[in-house]
C-alpha atoms as a PDB file:
ATOM      1  CA  LYS A   1     -69.865   2.314 -22.924  1.00  0.00           C
ATOM      2  CA  GLU A   2     -70.089  -0.525 -20.532  1.00  0.00           C
ATOM      3  CA  GLU A   3     -68.765  -2.714 -22.937  1.00  0.00           C
ATOM      4  CA  LEU A   4     -65.958  -0.931 -24.000  1.00  0.00           C
ATOM      5  CA  GLN A   5     -64.678  -1.098 -20.354  1.00  0.00           C
ATOM      6  CA  ARG A   6     -65.411  -4.615 -20.094  1.00  0.00           C
ATOM      7  CA  ASN A   7     -63.218  -5.155 -23.285  1.00  0.00           C
ATOM      8  CA  LEU A   8     -60.274  -2.996 -22.183  1.00  0.00           C
ATOM      9  CA  LEU A   9     -60.511  -4.731 -18.731  1.00  0.00           C
ATOM     10  CA  HIS A  10     -60.489  -7.795 -20.334  1.00  0.00           C
ATOM     11  CA  GLU A  11     -57.638  -6.658 -22.450  1.00  0.00           C
ATOM     12  CA  LYS A  12     -55.437  -5.357 -19.593  1.00  0.00           C
ATOM     13  CA  GLN A  13     -55.985  -8.263 -17.890  1.00  0.00           C
ATOM     14  CA  ASN A  14     -54.796 -10.631 -20.238  1.00  0.00           C
ATOM     15  CA  GLU A  15     -51.887  -8.324 -20.828  1.00  0.00           C
ATOM     16  CA  LEU A  16     -51.203  -8.751 -17.115  1.00  0.00           C
ATOM     17  CA  LEU A  17     -51.607 -12.117 -17.565  1.00  0.00           C
ATOM     18  CA  GLN A  18     -49.125 -12.746 -20.016  1.00  0.00           C
ATOM     19  CA  GLU A  19     -46.573 -10.037 -18.559  1.00  0.00           C
ATOM     20  CA  ARG A  20     -46.912 -12.912 -15.198  1.00  0.00           C
ATOM     21  CA  LYS A  21     -46.405 -15.413 -17.398  1.00  0.00           C
ATOM     22  CA  SER A  22     -43.435 -14.349 -18.765  1.00  0.00           C
ATOM     23  CA  MET A  23     -41.782 -13.004 -15.744  1.00  0.00           C
ATOM     24  CA  GLU A  24     -42.404 -16.212 -14.430  1.00  0.00           C
ATOM     25  CA  ASN A  25     -40.631 -17.872 -16.906  1.00  0.00           C
ATOM     26  CA  GLU A  26     -37.876 -14.940 -16.934  1.00  0.00           C
ATOM     27  CA  PHE A  27     -37.714 -16.143 -12.991  1.00  0.00           C
ATOM     28  CA  ASN A  28     -37.591 -20.142 -13.595  1.00  0.00           C
ATOM     29  CA  GLN A  29     -34.789 -19.482 -15.943  1.00  0.00           C
ATOM     30  CA  LYS A  30     -32.986 -17.568 -13.699  1.00  0.00           C
ATOM     31  CA  ILE A  31     -33.730 -20.220 -10.696  1.00  0.00           C
ATOM     32  CA  SER A  32     -32.614 -22.849 -13.163  1.00  0.00           C
ATOM     33  CA  GLU A  33     -29.388 -21.071 -14.162  1.00  0.00           C
ATOM     34  CA  MET A  34     -28.381 -20.572 -10.661  1.00  0.00           C
ATOM     35  CA  GLU A  35     -29.349 -24.021  -9.785  1.00  0.00           C
ATOM     36  CA  ALA A  36     -26.744 -25.383 -12.561  1.00  0.00           C
ATOM     37  CA  GLN A  37     -24.317 -22.845 -11.408  1.00  0.00           C
ATOM     38  CA  PHE A  38     -24.989 -23.993  -7.759  1.00  0.00           C
ATOM     39  CA  ALA A  39     -24.372 -27.754  -8.698  1.00  0.00           C
ATOM     40  CA  LYS A  40     -21.451 -27.302 -11.110  1.00  0.00           C
ATOM     41  CA  GLU A  41     -19.481 -25.198  -8.320  1.00  0.00           C
ATOM     42  CA  HIS A  42     -20.171 -28.154  -5.492  1.00  0.00           C
ATOM     43  CA  GLN A  43     -18.708 -30.721  -8.145  1.00  0.00           C
ATOM     44  CA  THR A  44     -15.696 -28.538  -8.455  1.00  0.00           C
ATOM     45  CA  ILE A  45     -15.572 -28.030  -4.452  1.00  0.00           C
ATOM     46  CA  ILE A  46     -15.944 -31.501  -3.955  1.00  0.00           C
ATOM     47  CA  PHE A  47     -13.735 -32.864  -6.323  1.00  0.00           C
ATOM     48  CA  LYS A  48     -11.038 -30.378  -4.985  1.00  0.00           C
ATOM     49  CA  PHE A  49     -11.834 -31.545  -1.607  1.00  0.00           C
ATOM     50  CA  LYS A  50     -10.945 -35.518  -2.607  1.00  0.00           C
ATOM     51  CA  GLU A  51      -8.200 -34.650  -4.435  1.00  0.00           C
ATOM     52  CA  GLU A  52      -6.869 -32.462  -1.217  1.00  0.00           C
ATOM     53  CA  THR A  53      -7.891 -35.457   0.858  1.00  0.00           C
ATOM     54  CA  SER A  54      -6.037 -37.931  -1.589  1.00  0.00           C
ATOM     55  CA  GLU A  55      -3.216 -35.634  -1.342  1.00  0.00           C
ATOM     56  CA  LEU A  56      -2.609 -35.399   2.298  1.00  0.00           C
ATOM     57  CA  GLU A  57      -3.314 -39.175   2.713  1.00  0.00           C
ATOM     58  CA  GLU A  58      -0.789 -39.919   0.242  1.00  0.00           C
ATOM     59  CA  LYS A  59       1.731 -37.519   2.346  1.00  0.00           C
ATOM     60  CA  TYR A  60       1.158 -38.573   5.587  1.00  0.00           C
ATOM     61  CA  GLN A  61       1.548 -42.240   3.877  1.00  0.00           C
ATOM     62  CA  GLN A  62       4.982 -41.534   3.200  1.00  0.00           C
ATOM     63  CA  GLU A  63       5.553 -39.581   6.258  1.00  0.00           C
ATOM     64  CA  LEU A  64       4.424 -43.021   8.213  1.00  0.00           C
ATOM     65  CA  LEU A  65       6.457 -45.306   6.288  1.00  0.00           C
ATOM     66  CA  GLN A  66       9.355 -42.802   6.443  1.00  0.00           C
ATOM     67  CA  LEU A  67       8.897 -43.065  10.426  1.00  0.00           C
ATOM     68  CA  GLU A  68       8.862 -46.638   9.904  1.00  0.00           C
ATOM     69  CA  ASN A  69      11.733 -47.401   8.469  1.00  0.00           C
ATOM     70  CA  GLN A  70      13.474 -44.423  10.437  1.00  0.00           C
ATOM     71  CA  LEU A  71      12.127 -46.743  13.642  1.00  0.00           C
ATOM     72  CA  HIS A  72      13.608 -50.096  12.555  1.00  0.00           C
ATOM     73  CA  GLU A  73      16.972 -48.791  11.491  1.00  0.00           C
ATOM     74  CA  GLU A  74      17.023 -47.179  14.878  1.00  0.00           C
ATOM     75  CA  LYS A  75      15.761 -50.424  16.031  1.00  0.00           C
ATOM     76  CA  GLY A  76      18.801 -52.339  14.791  1.00  0.00           C
ATOM     77  CA  GLN A  77      21.134 -50.144  15.769  1.00  0.00           C
ATOM     78  CA  TRP A  78      20.208 -50.481  19.643  1.00  0.00           C
ATOM     79  CA  GLU A  79      20.324 -54.050  18.916  1.00  0.00           C
ATOM     80  CA  PHE A  80      23.493 -54.066  17.366  1.00  0.00           C
ATOM     81  CA  GLU A  81      24.630 -51.889  20.203  1.00  0.00           C
ATOM     82  CA  LYS A  82      22.996 -53.638  22.993  1.00  0.00           C
ATOM     83  CA  TYR A  83      24.878 -56.984  21.759  1.00  0.00           C
ATOM     84  CA  GLU A  84      27.916 -55.509  21.445  1.00  0.00           C
ATOM     85  CA  LEU A  85      27.546 -54.181  25.332  1.00  0.00           C
ATOM     86  CA  LEU A  86      26.283 -57.570  26.457  1.00  0.00           C
ATOM     87  CA  GLN A  87      29.469 -59.078  24.478  1.00  0.00           C
ATOM     88  CA  GLU A  88      31.754 -56.835  26.090  1.00  0.00           C
ATOM     89  CA  ASN A  89      30.226 -57.611  29.871  1.00  0.00           C
ATOM     90  CA  GLU A  90      30.791 -61.132  29.010  1.00  0.00           C
ATOM     91  CA  ASP A  91      34.024 -60.201  28.397  1.00  0.00           C
ATOM     92  CA  GLU A  92      34.841 -58.859  31.086  1.00  0.00           C
ATOM     93  CA  LYS A  93      32.898 -61.385  33.349  1.00  0.00           C
ATOM     94  CA  GLU A  94      35.401 -64.093  32.037  1.00  0.00           C
ATOM     95  CA  LYS A  95      38.573 -61.555  32.948  1.00  0.00           C
ATOM     96  CA  LEU A  96      37.025 -60.851  36.075  1.00  0.00           C
ATOM     97  CA  LYS A  97      36.797 -64.909  36.563  1.00  0.00           C
ATOM     98  CA  GLU A  98      40.289 -65.747  35.749  1.00  0.00           C
ATOM     99  CA  MET A  99      41.261 -63.201  37.827  1.00  0.00           C
ATOM    100  CA  LEU A 100      39.686 -64.623  40.270  1.00  0.00           C
ATOM    101  CA  GLN A 101      40.856 -67.734  39.946  1.00  0.00           C
ATOM    102  CA  GLU A 102      44.897 -66.418  40.014  1.00  0.00           C
ATOM    103  CA  LYS A 103      44.019 -64.475  43.309  1.00  0.00           C
ATOM    104  CA  THR A 104      42.518 -67.818  44.538  1.00  0.00           C
ATOM    105  CA  LEU A 105      45.153 -69.942  43.344  1.00  0.00           C
ATOM    106  CA  LEU A 106      47.747 -67.454  44.655  1.00  0.00           C
ATOM    107  CA  PHE A 107      45.979 -67.480  47.735  1.00  0.00           C
ATOM    108  CA  GLN A 108      46.230 -70.926  48.557  1.00  0.00           C
ATOM    109  CA  MET A 109      49.991 -71.623  47.106  1.00  0.00           C
ATOM    110  CA  LEU A 110      50.733 -68.637  50.079  1.00  0.00           C
ATOM    111  CA  THR A 111      48.811 -70.400  52.415  1.00  0.00           C
ATOM    112  CA  GLU A 112      50.040 -73.663  52.027  1.00  0.00           C
ATOM    113  CA  GLU A 113      53.506 -72.379  51.885  1.00  0.00           C
ATOM    114  CA  ARG A 114      53.009 -70.773  55.046  1.00  0.00           C
ATOM    115  CA  ASP A 115      51.550 -73.893  57.104  1.00  0.00           C
END
């Protein structure tokens, strides 16, 4: 009877060991599948992040280029307007010099006539 019990106990232990190994294998398989899924999702997220980053960089580079072009155009316009104002200033200065010379000449003439 003891030997029968030992045999049954041994069989149960073997069954439990086999069941534990089977559960361990299933668990390891699920862990491997989850790790693979995680790695796949991680790669997808990294790819999307890099793609979006690249798109944003391209967008901001384009905006920066547009702003640089706009600044260049505005600076050219300012330079043109500055040149025109300086030219007008020079013209007015010349007119004032001529007027001063005429008035000075007229004043001299009047002064000489009086004397």
